[in-house]
PDB file of N, CA and C in Angstrom:
ATOM      1  N   MET A   1      85.833 143.124  93.378  1.00  0.00           N
ATOM      2  CA  MET A   1      85.425 142.641  94.681  1.00  0.00           C
ATOM      3  C   MET A   1      85.379 141.106  94.703  1.00  0.00           C
ATOM      4  N   ARG A   2      84.770 140.508  93.680  1.00  0.00           N
ATOM      5  CA  ARG A   2      84.695 139.042  93.620  1.00  0.00           C
ATOM      6  C   ARG A   2      86.083 138.425  93.552  1.00  0.00           C
ATOM      7  N   MET A   3      86.974 139.074  92.816  1.00  0.00           N
ATOM      8  CA  MET A   3      88.334 138.557  92.676  1.00  0.00           C
ATOM      9  C   MET A   3      89.046 138.591  94.031  1.00  0.00           C
ATOM     10  N   THR A   4      88.853 139.641  94.805  1.00  0.00           N
ATOM     11  CA  THR A   4      89.472 139.748  96.126  1.00  0.00           C
ATOM     12  C   THR A   4      88.976 138.639  97.047  1.00  0.00           C
ATOM     13  N   ILE A   5      87.696 138.360  97.023  1.00  0.00           N
ATOM     14  CA  ILE A   5      87.123 137.297  97.849  1.00  0.00           C
ATOM     15  C   ILE A   5      87.667 135.942  97.407  1.00  0.00           C
ATOM     16  N   ALA A   6      87.741 135.721  96.111  1.00  0.00           N
ATOM     17  CA  ALA A   6      88.265 134.454  95.594  1.00  0.00           C
ATOM     18  C   ALA A   6      89.716 134.256  96.010  1.00  0.00           C
ATOM     19  N   ILE A   7      90.520 135.300  95.935  1.00  0.00           N
ATOM     20  CA  ILE A   7      91.926 135.205  96.328  1.00  0.00           C
ATOM     21  C   ILE A   7      92.031 134.937  97.829  1.00  0.00           C
ATOM     22  N   ALA A   8      91.198 135.581  98.632  1.00  0.00           N
ATOM     23  CA  ALA A   8      91.218 135.381 100.083  1.00  0.00           C
ATOM     24  C   ALA A   8      90.848 133.943 100.430  1.00  0.00           C
ATOM     25  N   ILE A   9      89.850 133.388  99.761  1.00  0.00           N
ATOM     26  CA  ILE A   9      89.448 131.997 100.014  1.00  0.00           C
ATOM     27  C   ILE A   9      90.559 131.047  99.604  1.00  0.00           C
ATOM     28  N   PHE A  10      91.159 131.292  98.455  1.00  0.00           N
ATOM     29  CA  PHE A  10      92.262 130.462  97.973  1.00  0.00           C
ATOM     30  C   PHE A  10      93.432 130.491  98.954  1.00  0.00           C
ATOM     31  N   ALA A  11      93.804 131.661  99.438  1.00  0.00           N
ATOM     32  CA  ALA A  11      94.917 131.802 100.379  1.00  0.00           C
ATOM     33  C   ALA A  11      94.601 131.086 101.695  1.00  0.00           C
ATOM     34  N   ALA A  12      93.384 131.230 102.174  1.00  0.00           N
ATOM     35  CA  ALA A  12      92.994 130.563 103.422  1.00  0.00           C
ATOM     36  C   ALA A  12      93.059 129.049 103.270  1.00  0.00           C
ATOM     37  N   THR A  13      92.663 128.554 102.118  1.00  0.00           N
ATOM     38  CA  THR A  13      92.718 127.113 101.851  1.00  0.00           C
ATOM     39  C   THR A  13      94.164 126.628 101.859  1.00  0.00           C
ATOM     40  N   LEU A  14      95.059 127.358 101.225  1.00  0.00           N
ATOM     41  CA  LEU A  14      96.461 126.969 101.189  1.00  0.00           C
ATOM     42  C   LEU A  14      97.088 126.987 102.572  1.00  0.00           C
ATOM     43  N   LEU A  15      96.732 127.951 103.383  1.00  0.00           N
ATOM     44  CA  LEU A  15      97.279 128.034 104.734  1.00  0.00           C
ATOM     45  C   LEU A  15      96.785 126.897 105.611  1.00  0.00           C
ATOM     46  N   ALA A  16      95.608 126.392 105.355  1.00  0.00           N
ATOM     47  CA  ALA A  16      95.043 125.319 106.170  1.00  0.00           C
ATOM     48  C   ALA A  16      95.639 123.959 105.823  1.00  0.00           C
ATOM     49  N   LEU A  17      96.171 123.786 104.641  1.00  0.00           N
ATOM     50  CA  LEU A  17      96.673 122.477 104.211  1.00  0.00           C
ATOM     51  C   LEU A  17      97.785 121.921 105.092  1.00  0.00           C
ATOM     52  N   PRO A  18      98.848 122.671 105.407  1.00  0.00           N
ATOM     53  CA  PRO A  18      99.902 122.079 106.229  1.00  0.00           C
ATOM     54  C   PRO A  18      99.407 121.654 107.608  1.00  0.00           C
ATOM     55  N   ALA A  19      98.448 122.322 108.163  1.00  0.00           N
ATOM     56  CA  ALA A  19      97.949 121.977 109.486  1.00  0.00           C
ATOM     57  C   ALA A  19      97.261 120.616 109.489  1.00  0.00           C
ATOM     58  N   ASN A  20      96.736 120.184 108.357  1.00  0.00           N
ATOM     59  CA  ASN A  20      96.042 118.907 108.275  1.00  0.00           C
ATOM     60  C   ASN A  20      96.904 117.799 107.682  1.00  0.00           C
ATOM     61  N   ALA A  21      98.163 118.069 107.379  1.00  0.00           N
ATOM     62  CA  ALA A  21      98.999 117.103 106.680  1.00  0.00           C
ATOM     63  C   ALA A  21      99.242 115.834 107.479  1.00  0.00           C
ATOM     64  N   HIS A  22      99.123 115.896 108.811  1.00  0.00           N
ATOM     65  CA  HIS A  22      99.382 114.728 109.640  1.00  0.00           C
ATOM     66  C   HIS A  22      98.249 113.718 109.617  1.00  0.00           C
ATOM     67  N   ASP A  23      97.128 114.078 109.087  1.00  0.00           N
ATOM     68  CA  ASP A  23      95.948 113.212 109.116  1.00  0.00           C
ATOM     69  C   ASP A  23      96.006 112.214 107.965  1.00  0.00           C
ATOM     70  N   PRO A  24      96.189 110.917 108.260  1.00  0.00           N
ATOM     71  CA  PRO A  24      96.296 109.912 107.196  1.00  0.00           C
ATOM     72  C   PRO A  24      95.097 109.886 106.254  1.00  0.00           C
ATOM     73  N   SER A  25      93.930 110.340 106.707  1.00  0.00           N
ATOM     74  CA  SER A  25      92.752 110.322 105.839  1.00  0.00           C
ATOM     75  C   SER A  25      92.881 111.305 104.684  1.00  0.00           C
ATOM     76  N   LYS A  26      93.864 112.192 104.736  1.00  0.00           N
ATOM     77  CA  LYS A  26      94.081 113.170 103.667  1.00  0.00           C
ATOM     78  C   LYS A  26      94.887 112.577 102.512  1.00  0.00           C
ATOM     79  N   HIS A  27      95.360 111.362 102.666  1.00  0.00           N
ATOM     80  CA  HIS A  27      96.189 110.717 101.646  1.00  0.00           C
ATOM     81  C   HIS A  27      95.355 109.764 100.802  1.00  0.00           C
ATOM     82  N   LYS A  28      95.865 109.454  99.616  1.00  0.00           N
ATOM     83  CA  LYS A  28      95.149 108.563  98.699  1.00  0.00           C
ATOM     84  C   LYS A  28      95.325 107.112  99.117  1.00  0.00           C
ATOM     85  N   GLY A  29      94.258 106.349  98.998  1.00  0.00           N
ATOM     86  CA  GLY A  29      94.329 104.915  99.257  1.00  0.00           C
ATOM     87  C   GLY A  29      94.188 104.571 100.723  1.00  0.00           C
ATOM     88  N   LYS A  30      94.197 103.270 100.980  1.00  0.00           N
ATOM     89  CA  LYS A  30      94.082 102.770 102.343  1.00  0.00           C
ATOM     90  C   LYS A  30      95.477 102.429 102.853  1.00  0.00           C
ATOM     91  N   PRO A  31      95.851 102.970 104.010  1.00  0.00           N
ATOM     92  CA  PRO A  31      97.205 102.700 104.499  1.00  0.00           C
ATOM     93  C   PRO A  31      97.327 101.349 105.185  1.00  0.00           C
ATOM     94  N   THR A  32      98.559 100.872 105.263  1.00  0.00           N
ATOM     95  CA  THR A  32      98.899  99.749 106.112  1.00  0.00           C
ATOM     96  C   THR A  32      99.422 100.374 107.396  1.00  0.00           C
ATOM     97  N   GLU A  33      98.795 100.037 108.514  1.00  0.00           N
ATOM     98  CA  GLU A  33      99.147 100.650 109.791  1.00  0.00           C
ATOM     99  C   GLU A  33      99.891  99.672 110.662  1.00  0.00           C
ATOM    100  N   GLY A  34     100.817 100.188 111.444  1.00  0.00           N
ATOM    101  CA  GLY A  34     101.519  99.328 112.377  1.00  0.00           C
ATOM    102  C   GLY A  34     102.612 100.048 113.120  1.00  0.00           C
ATOM    103  N   GLU A  35     103.440  99.245 113.793  1.00  0.00           N
ATOM    104  CA  GLU A  35     104.545  99.751 114.602  1.00  0.00           C
ATOM    105  C   GLU A  35     105.857  99.334 113.949  1.00  0.00           C
ATOM    106  N   VAL A  36     106.788 100.257 113.855  1.00  0.00           N
ATOM    107  CA  VAL A  36     108.093  99.958 113.280  1.00  0.00           C
ATOM    108  C   VAL A  36     108.818  98.999 114.222  1.00  0.00           C
ATOM    109  N   ALA A  37     109.178  97.827 113.684  1.00  0.00           N
ATOM    110  CA  ALA A  37     109.917  96.837 114.470  1.00  0.00           C
ATOM    111  C   ALA A  37     111.415  97.096 114.362  1.00  0.00           C
ATOM    112  N   SER A  38     111.880  97.426 113.146  1.00  0.00           N
ATOM    113  CA  SER A  38     113.300  97.709 112.928  1.00  0.00           C
ATOM    114  C   SER A  38     113.464  98.501 111.638  1.00  0.00           C
ATOM    115  N   VAL A  39     114.573  99.220 111.548  1.00  0.00           N
ATOM    116  CA  VAL A  39     114.908  99.993 110.349  1.00  0.00           C
ATOM    117  C   VAL A  39     116.356  99.679 110.011  1.00  0.00           C
ATOM    118  N   SER A  40     116.608  99.358 108.744  1.00  0.00           N
ATOM    119  CA  SER A  40     117.960  99.073 108.291  1.00  0.00           C
ATOM    120  C   SER A  40     118.106  99.548 106.849  1.00  0.00           C
ATOM    121  N   GLY A  41     118.869 100.593 106.647  1.00  0.00           N
ATOM    122  CA  GLY A  41     119.064 101.128 105.300  1.00  0.00           C
ATOM    123  C   GLY A  41     117.756 101.601 104.701  1.00  0.00           C
ATOM    124  N   ASP A  42     117.413 101.046 103.539  1.00  0.00           N
ATOM    125  CA  ASP A  42     116.186 101.434 102.839  1.00  0.00           C
ATOM    126  C   ASP A  42     115.049 100.448 103.074  1.00  0.00           C
ATOM    127  N   ARG A  43     115.088  99.748 104.198  1.00  0.00           N
ATOM    128  CA  ARG A  43     114.035  98.774 104.526  1.00  0.00           C
ATOM    129  C   ARG A  43     113.633  98.937 105.987  1.00  0.00           C
ATOM    130  N   LEU A  44     112.389  98.595 106.259  1.00  0.00           N
ATOM    131  CA  LEU A  44     111.949  98.520 107.643  1.00  0.00           C
ATOM    132  C   LEU A  44     111.003  97.350 107.781  1.00  0.00           C
ATOM    133  N   GLU A  45     110.889  96.848 108.986  1.00  0.00           N
ATOM    134  CA  GLU A  45     109.951  95.784 109.310  1.00  0.00           C
ATOM    135  C   GLU A  45     108.811  96.442 110.070  1.00  0.00           C
ATOM    136  N   LEU A  46     107.579  96.188 109.623  1.00  0.00           N
ATOM    137  CA  LEU A  46     106.395  96.800 110.207  1.00  0.00           C
ATOM    138  C   LEU A  46     105.530  95.729 110.865  1.00  0.00           C
ATOM    139  N   LYS A  47     105.310  95.863 112.183  1.00  0.00           N
ATOM    140  CA  LYS A  47     104.425  94.944 112.905  1.00  0.00           C
ATOM    141  C   LYS A  47     102.994  95.434 112.716  1.00  0.00           C
ATOM    142  N   THR A  48     102.162  94.615 112.071  1.00  0.00           N
ATOM    143  CA  THR A  48     100.761  94.963 111.853  1.00  0.00           C
ATOM    144  C   THR A  48      99.883  93.960 112.597  1.00  0.00           C
ATOM    145  N   ALA A  49      98.590  94.197 112.564  1.00  0.00           N
ATOM    146  CA  ALA A  49      97.644  93.284 113.216  1.00  0.00           C
ATOM    147  C   ALA A  49      97.696  91.894 112.583  1.00  0.00           C
ATOM    148  N   SER A  50      98.103  91.809 111.301  1.00  0.00           N
ATOM    149  CA  SER A  50      98.136  90.513 110.615  1.00  0.00           C
ATOM    150  C   SER A  50      99.532  89.917 110.504  1.00  0.00           C
ATOM    151  N   GLY A  51     100.529  90.531 111.146  1.00  0.00           N
ATOM    152  CA  GLY A  51     101.887  90.002 111.101  1.00  0.00           C
ATOM    153  C   GLY A  51     102.909  91.059 110.718  1.00  0.00           C
ATOM    154  N   VAL A  52     104.141  90.610 110.533  1.00  0.00           N
ATOM    155  CA  VAL A  52     105.239  91.522 110.187  1.00  0.00           C
ATOM    156  C   VAL A  52     105.355  91.629 108.671  1.00  0.00           C
ATOM    157  N   ILE A  53     105.479  92.861 108.183  1.00  0.00           N
ATOM    158  CA  ILE A  53     105.584  93.125 106.746  1.00  0.00           C
ATOM    159  C   ILE A  53     106.896  93.850 106.477  1.00  0.00           C
ATOM    160  N   ALA A  54     107.601  93.443 105.408  1.00  0.00           N
ATOM    161  CA  ALA A  54     108.795  94.151 104.961  1.00  0.00           C
ATOM    162  C   ALA A  54     108.344  95.363 104.141  1.00  0.00           C
ATOM    163  N   VAL A  55     108.925  96.516 104.432  1.00  0.00           N
ATOM    164  CA  VAL A  55     108.603  97.750 103.717  1.00  0.00           C
ATOM    165  C   VAL A  55     109.887  98.301 103.111  1.00  0.00           C
ATOM    166  N   SER A  56     109.864  98.564 101.801  1.00  0.00           N
ATOM    167  CA  SER A  56     111.012  99.157 101.114  1.00  0.00           C
ATOM    168  C   SER A  56     110.795 100.643 100.952  1.00  0.00           C
ATOM    169  N   LEU A  57     111.857 101.419 101.185  1.00  0.00           N
ATOM    170  CA  LEU A  57     111.835 102.859 100.976  1.00  0.00           C
ATOM    171  C   LEU A  57     112.628 103.153  99.712  1.00  0.00           C
ATOM    172  N   THR A  58     112.164 104.109  98.937  1.00  0.00           N
ATOM    173  CA  THR A  58     112.887 104.525  97.740  1.00  0.00           C
ATOM    174  C   THR A  58     113.275 105.993  97.889  1.00  0.00           C
ATOM    175  N   SER A  59     114.012 106.493  96.916  1.00  0.00           N
ATOM    176  CA  SER A  59     114.388 107.913  96.951  1.00  0.00           C
ATOM    177  C   SER A  59     113.168 108.814  96.799  1.00  0.00           C
ATOM    178  N   LYS A  60     112.061 108.251  96.335  1.00  0.00           N
ATOM    179  CA  LYS A  60     110.836 109.030  96.148  1.00  0.00           C
ATOM    180  C   LYS A  60     109.844 108.878  97.307  1.00  0.00           C
ATOM    181  N   THR A  61     110.161 108.047  98.307  1.00  0.00           N
ATOM    182  CA  THR A  61     109.260 107.870  99.446  1.00  0.00           C
ATOM    183  C   THR A  61     109.183 109.179 100.221  1.00  0.00           C
ATOM    184  N   LYS A  62     107.954 109.658 100.411  1.00  0.00           N
ATOM    185  CA  LYS A  62     107.717 110.886 101.172  1.00  0.00           C
ATOM    186  C   LYS A  62     107.365 110.480 102.601  1.00  0.00           C
ATOM    187  N   ILE A  63     108.035 111.090 103.583  1.00  0.00           N
ATOM    188  CA  ILE A  63     107.792 110.779 104.992  1.00  0.00           C
ATOM    189  C   ILE A  63     107.328 112.052 105.686  1.00  0.00           C
ATOM    190  N   GLU A  64     106.168 111.963 106.345  1.00  0.00           N
ATOM    191  CA  GLU A  64     105.604 113.109 107.049  1.00  0.00           C
ATOM    192  C   GLU A  64     105.530 112.825 108.538  1.00  0.00           C
ATOM    193  N   HIS A  65     105.857 113.836 109.317  1.00  0.00           N
ATOM    194  CA  HIS A  65     105.716 113.784 110.772  1.00  0.00           C
ATOM    195  C   HIS A  65     105.046 115.083 111.174  1.00  0.00           C
ATOM    196  N   GLY A  66     103.767 114.994 111.516  1.00  0.00           N
ATOM    197  CA  GLY A  66     102.993 116.219 111.752  1.00  0.00           C
ATOM    198  C   GLY A  66     102.843 116.950 110.435  1.00  0.00           C
ATOM    199  N   ALA A  67     103.102 118.236 110.445  1.00  0.00           N
ATOM    200  CA  ALA A  67     102.990 119.040 109.227  1.00  0.00           C
ATOM    201  C   ALA A  67     104.307 119.099 108.467  1.00  0.00           C
ATOM    202  N   ASP A  68     105.339 118.399 108.968  1.00  0.00           N
ATOM    203  CA  ASP A  68     106.668 118.471 108.360  1.00  0.00           C
ATOM    204  C   ASP A  68     106.973 117.260 107.496  1.00  0.00           C
ATOM    205  N   THR A  69     107.686 117.496 106.405  1.00  0.00           N
ATOM    206  CA  THR A  69     108.251 116.417 105.611  1.00  0.00           C
ATOM    207  C   THR A  69     109.638 116.172 106.179  1.00  0.00           C
ATOM    208  N   VAL A  70     109.930 114.915 106.526  1.00  0.00           N
ATOM    209  CA  VAL A  70     111.190 114.567 107.178  1.00  0.00           C
ATOM    210  C   VAL A  70     111.899 113.468 106.393  1.00  0.00           C
ATOM    211  N   ASP A  71     113.120 113.131 106.806  1.00  0.00           N
ATOM    212  CA  ASP A  71     113.837 112.051 106.127  1.00  0.00           C
ATOM    213  C   ASP A  71     113.701 110.751 106.922  1.00  0.00           C
ATOM    214  N   LYS A  72     114.266 109.686 106.382  1.00  0.00           N
ATOM    215  CA  LYS A  72     114.069 108.365 106.975  1.00  0.00           C
ATOM    216  C   LYS A  72     114.727 108.214 108.342  1.00  0.00           C
ATOM    217  N   SER A  73     115.593 109.132 108.725  1.00  0.00           N
ATOM    218  CA  SER A  73     116.205 109.053 110.049  1.00  0.00           C
ATOM    219  C   SER A  73     115.175 109.248 111.167  1.00  0.00           C
ATOM    220  N   HIS A  74     113.994 109.755 110.823  1.00  0.00           N
ATOM    221  CA  HIS A  74     112.921 109.944 111.799  1.00  0.00           C
ATOM    222  C   HIS A  74     112.155 108.649 112.073  1.00  0.00           C
ATOM    223  N   LEU A  75     112.391 107.620 111.269  1.00  0.00           N
ATOM    224  CA  LEU A  75     111.720 106.332 111.477  1.00  0.00           C
ATOM    225  C   LEU A  75     112.497 105.530 112.508  1.00  0.00           C
ATOM    226  N   LYS A  76     111.881 105.295 113.653  1.00  0.00           N
ATOM    227  CA  LYS A  76     112.534 104.599 114.757  1.00  0.00           C
ATOM    228  C   LYS A  76     111.677 103.418 115.207  1.00  0.00           C
ATOM    229  N   ALA A  77     112.323 102.393 115.723  1.00  0.00           N
ATOM    230  CA  ALA A  77     111.602 101.244 116.279  1.00  0.00           C
ATOM    231  C   ALA A  77     110.645 101.734 117.360  1.00  0.00           C
ATOM    232  N   GLY A  78     109.433 101.201 117.326  1.00  0.00           N
ATOM    233  CA  GLY A  78     108.416 101.571 118.294  1.00  0.00           C
ATOM    234  C   GLY A  78     107.459 102.654 117.809  1.00  0.00           C
ATOM    235  N   GLU A  79     107.823 103.368 116.726  1.00  0.00           N
ATOM    236  CA  GLU A  79     106.948 104.413 116.187  1.00  0.00           C
ATOM    237  C   GLU A  79     105.753 103.788 115.486  1.00  0.00           C
ATOM    238  N   ARG A  80     104.576 104.385 115.653  1.00  0.00           N
ATOM    239  CA  ARG A  80     103.382 103.965 114.914  1.00  0.00           C
ATOM    240  C   ARG A  80     103.356 104.756 113.620  1.00  0.00           C
ATOM    241  N   ILE A  81     103.118 104.053 112.502  1.00  0.00           N
ATOM    242  CA  ILE A  81     103.097 104.715 111.197  1.00  0.00           C
ATOM    243  C   ILE A  81     101.951 104.195 110.335  1.00  0.00           C
ATOM    244  N   HIS A  82     101.635 104.978 109.314  1.00  0.00           N
ATOM    245  CA  HIS A  82     100.686 104.601 108.262  1.00  0.00           C
ATOM    246  C   HIS A  82     101.504 104.604 106.967  1.00  0.00           C
ATOM    247  N   VAL A  83     101.488 103.498 106.244  1.00  0.00           N
ATOM    248  CA  VAL A  83     102.263 103.379 105.002  1.00  0.00           C
ATOM    249  C   VAL A  83     101.306 103.280 103.823  1.00  0.00           C
ATOM    250  N   PHE A  84     101.499 104.171 102.855  1.00  0.00           N
ATOM    251  CA  PHE A  84     100.748 104.147 101.602  1.00  0.00           C
ATOM    252  C   PHE A  84     101.728 103.703 100.531  1.00  0.00           C
ATOM    253  N   GLY A  85     101.353 102.694  99.743  1.00  0.00           N
ATOM    254  CA  GLY A  85     102.276 102.227  98.721  1.00  0.00           C
ATOM    255  C   GLY A  85     101.715 101.078  97.922  1.00  0.00           C
ATOM    256  N   THR A  86     102.626 100.335  97.294  1.00  0.00           N
ATOM    257  CA  THR A  86     102.268  99.227  96.417  1.00  0.00           C
ATOM    258  C   THR A  86     102.731  97.921  97.050  1.00  0.00           C
ATOM    259  N   LYS A  87     101.804  96.990  97.181  1.00  0.00           N
ATOM    260  CA  LYS A  87     102.152  95.677  97.724  1.00  0.00           C
ATOM    261  C   LYS A  87     102.560  94.768  96.566  1.00  0.00           C
ATOM    262  N   LEU A  88     103.736  94.191  96.669  1.00  0.00           N
ATOM    263  CA  LEU A  88     104.259  93.293  95.641  1.00  0.00           C
ATOM    264  C   LEU A  88     103.728  91.879  95.873  1.00  0.00           C
ATOM    265  N   PRO A  89     103.762  91.024  94.829  1.00  0.00           N
ATOM    266  CA  PRO A  89     103.308  89.639  94.991  1.00  0.00           C
ATOM    267  C   PRO A  89     104.045  88.899  96.120  1.00  0.00           C
ATOM    268  N   SER A  90     105.271  89.321  96.416  1.00  0.00           N
ATOM    269  CA  SER A  90     106.057  88.693  97.487  1.00  0.00           C
ATOM    270  C   SER A  90     105.532  89.054  98.874  1.00  0.00           C
ATOM    271  N   GLY A  91     104.629  90.056  98.936  1.00  0.00           N
ATOM    272  CA  GLY A  91     104.111  90.514 100.217  1.00  0.00           C
ATOM    273  C   GLY A  91     104.799  91.770 100.710  1.00  0.00           C
ATOM    274  N   GLU A  92     105.931  92.101 100.087  1.00  0.00           N
ATOM    275  CA  GLU A  92     106.669  93.307 100.459  1.00  0.00           C
ATOM    276  C   GLU A  92     105.876  94.547 100.033  1.00  0.00           C
ATOM    277  N   LEU A  93     105.980  95.604 100.820  1.00  0.00           N
ATOM    278  CA  LEU A  93     105.292  96.856 100.538  1.00  0.00           C
ATOM    279  C   LEU A  93     106.327  97.898 100.138  1.00  0.00           C
ATOM    280  N   VAL A  94     106.158  98.491  98.957  1.00  0.00           N
ATOM    281  CA  VAL A  94     107.039  99.564  98.503  1.00  0.00           C
ATOM    282  C   VAL A  94     106.347 100.870  98.876  1.00  0.00           C
ATOM    283  N   ALA A  95     106.952 101.612  99.804  1.00  0.00           N
ATOM    284  CA  ALA A  95     106.321 102.807 100.363  1.00  0.00           C
ATOM    285  C   ALA A  95     106.405 103.997  99.423  1.00  0.00           C
ATOM    286  N   LYS A  96     105.251 104.588  99.163  1.00  0.00           N
ATOM    287  CA  LYS A  96     105.193 105.850  98.427  1.00  0.00           C
ATOM    288  C   LYS A  96     105.157 107.003  99.428  1.00  0.00           C
ATOM    289  N   GLU A  97     104.339 106.830 100.491  1.00  0.00           N
ATOM    290  CA  GLU A  97     104.236 107.826 101.552  1.00  0.00           C
ATOM    291  C   GLU A  97     104.162 107.121 102.895  1.00  0.00           C
ATOM    292  N   ILE A  98     104.785 107.722 103.902  1.00  0.00           N
ATOM    293  CA  ILE A  98     104.708 107.231 105.277  1.00  0.00           C
ATOM    294  C   ILE A  98     104.313 108.408 106.151  1.00  0.00           C
ATOM    295  N   VAL A  99     103.310 108.197 106.988  1.00  0.00           N
ATOM    296  CA  VAL A  99     102.889 109.211 107.946  1.00  0.00           C
ATOM    297  C   VAL A  99     103.220 108.677 109.331  1.00  0.00           C
ATOM    298  N   ILE A 100     104.116 109.378 110.031  1.00  0.00           N
ATOM    299  CA  ILE A 100     104.476 108.995 111.392  1.00  0.00           C
ATOM    300  C   ILE A 100     103.385 109.517 112.314  1.00  0.00           C
ATOM    301  N   THR A 101     102.810 108.625 113.108  1.00  0.00           N
ATOM    302  CA  THR A 101     101.744 108.980 114.027  1.00  0.00           C
ATOM    303  C   THR A 101     102.336 109.708 115.227  1.00  0.00           C
ATOM    304  N   PRO A 102     101.759 110.840 115.601  1.00  0.00           N
ATOM    305  CA  PRO A 102     102.277 111.553 116.776  1.00  0.00           C
ATOM    306  C   PRO A 102     102.249 110.668 118.011  1.00  0.00           C
ATOM    307  N   SER A 103     103.153 110.902 118.930  1.00  0.00           N
ATOM    308  CA  SER A 103     103.210 110.142 120.186  1.00  0.00           C
ATOM    309  C   SER A 103     101.877 110.197 120.893  1.00  0.00           C
ATOM    310  N   GLY A 104     101.554 109.125 121.555  1.00  0.00           N
ATOM    311  CA  GLY A 104     100.309 109.080 122.299  1.00  0.00           C
ATOM    312  C   GLY A 104      99.237 108.294 121.590  1.00  0.00           C
ATOM    313  N   GLY A 105      99.596 107.608 120.498  1.00  0.00           N
ATOM    314  CA  GLY A 105      98.636 106.728 119.843  1.00  0.00           C
ATOM    315  C   GLY A 105      97.521 107.462 119.137  1.00  0.00           C
ATOM    316  N   HIS A 106      97.849 108.295 118.206  1.00  0.00           N
ATOM    317  CA  HIS A 106      96.888 109.071 117.420  1.00  0.00           C
ATOM    318  C   HIS A 106      95.963 108.144 116.652  1.00  0.00           C
ATOM    319  N   ASP A 107      94.681 108.292 116.846  1.00  0.00           N
ATOM    320  CA  ASP A 107      93.685 107.519 116.117  1.00  0.00           C
ATOM    321  C   ASP A 107      92.902 108.509 115.271  1.00  0.00           C
ATOM    322  N   SER A 108      93.154 108.516 113.965  1.00  0.00           N
ATOM    323  CA  SER A 108      92.543 109.525 113.101  1.00  0.00           C
ATOM    324  C   SER A 108      91.025 109.444 113.072  1.00  0.00           C
ATOM    325  N   SER A 109      90.445 108.298 113.415  1.00  0.00           N
ATOM    326  CA  SER A 109      88.998 108.191 113.400  1.00  0.00           C
ATOM    327  C   SER A 109      88.375 108.909 114.590  1.00  0.00           C
ATOM    328  N   LYS A 110      89.169 109.157 115.634  1.00  0.00           N
ATOM    329  CA  LYS A 110      88.659 109.838 116.820  1.00  0.00           C
ATOM    330  C   LYS A 110      89.232 111.238 116.958  1.00  0.00           C
ATOM    331  N   HIS A 111      90.058 111.626 116.006  1.00  0.00           N
ATOM    332  CA  HIS A 111      90.735 112.910 116.050  1.00  0.00           C
ATOM    333  C   HIS A 111      89.784 114.045 115.717  1.00  0.00           C
ATOM    334  N   GLU A 112      89.877 115.112 116.484  1.00  0.00           N
ATOM    335  CA  GLU A 112      89.082 116.289 116.150  1.00  0.00           C
ATOM    336  C   GLU A 112      89.851 117.070 115.104  1.00  0.00           C
ATOM    337  N   SER A 113      89.164 117.453 114.060  1.00  0.00           N
ATOM    338  CA  SER A 113      89.798 118.246 113.024  1.00  0.00           C
ATOM    339  C   SER A 113      90.070 119.630 113.594  1.00  0.00           C
ATOM    340  N   HIS A 114      90.760 120.436 112.837  1.00  0.00           N
ATOM    341  CA  HIS A 114      91.091 121.774 113.287  1.00  0.00           C
ATOM    342  C   HIS A 114      89.857 122.661 113.378  1.00  0.00           C
ATOM    343  N   SER A 115      88.737 122.225 112.849  1.00  0.00           N
ATOM    344  CA  SER A 115      87.502 122.977 112.971  1.00  0.00           C
ATOM    345  C   SER A 115      86.757 122.612 114.249  1.00  0.00           C
ATOM    346  N   GLY A 116      87.277 121.597 114.982  1.00  0.00           N
ATOM    347  CA  GLY A 116      86.657 121.178 116.230  1.00  0.00           C
ATOM    348  C   GLY A 116      85.636 120.063 116.044  1.00  0.00           C
ATOM    349  N   LYS A 117      85.422 119.610 114.805  1.00  0.00           N
ATOM    350  CA  LYS A 117      84.460 118.544 114.536  1.00  0.00           C
ATOM    351  C   LYS A 117      85.192 117.220 114.424  1.00  0.00           C
ATOM    352  N   LYS A 118      84.548 116.149 114.832  1.00  0.00           N
ATOM    353  CA  LYS A 118      85.126 114.822 114.715  1.00  0.00           C
ATOM    354  C   LYS A 118      85.238 114.428 113.246  1.00  0.00           C
ATOM    355  N   ASN A 119      86.364 113.819 112.885  1.00  0.00           N
ATOM    356  CA  ASN A 119      86.513 113.323 111.532  1.00  0.00           C
ATOM    357  C   ASN A 119      85.650 112.094 111.346  1.00  0.00           C
ATOM    358  N   LYS A 120      85.079 111.932 110.173  1.00  0.00           N
ATOM    359  CA  LYS A 120      84.280 110.742 109.875  1.00  0.00           C
ATOM    360  C   LYS A 120      85.214 109.686 109.329  1.00  0.00           C
ATOM    361  N   GLN A 121      85.051 108.468 109.798  1.00  0.00           N
ATOM    362  CA  GLN A 121      85.879 107.371 109.319  1.00  0.00           C
ATOM    363  C   GLN A 121      85.158 106.714 108.158  1.00  0.00           C
ATOM    364  N   SER A 122      85.880 106.614 107.031  1.00  0.00           N
ATOM    365  CA  SER A 122      85.260 105.988 105.863  1.00  0.00           C
ATOM    366  C   SER A 122      85.361 104.482 105.986  1.00  0.00           C
ATOM    367  N   LYS A 123      84.335 103.778 105.517  1.00  0.00           N
ATOM    368  CA  LYS A 123      84.327 102.308 105.567  1.00  0.00           C
ATOM    369  C   LYS A 123      84.064 101.756 104.202  1.00  0.00           C
TER     370      LYS A 123
END
């Protein structure tokens, strides 16, 4: 009986993960947020509150749009994104993960989770 309950809880947890994949707070580290200014090959220019930043994409860069993993062709000028990665001394950001913000200006701090509760913003 205990094993059945444990398996049911484990399965429910796994099923819930893709539904929350769009939430940048589920990723490690603090993202750099902004609007895609341009995309060219394996680079993009990101307009942030503090200026324009060059972002490099690698073959290992993971790009998410909602619950889906997508390729770099989904990155378009004007899209709002969250970039998780390594900032080089030159100021360039090497992207490990990019989360494309859903249309309509998704603000994860005001987003209701799938449980109906407001997400807490960490400071």
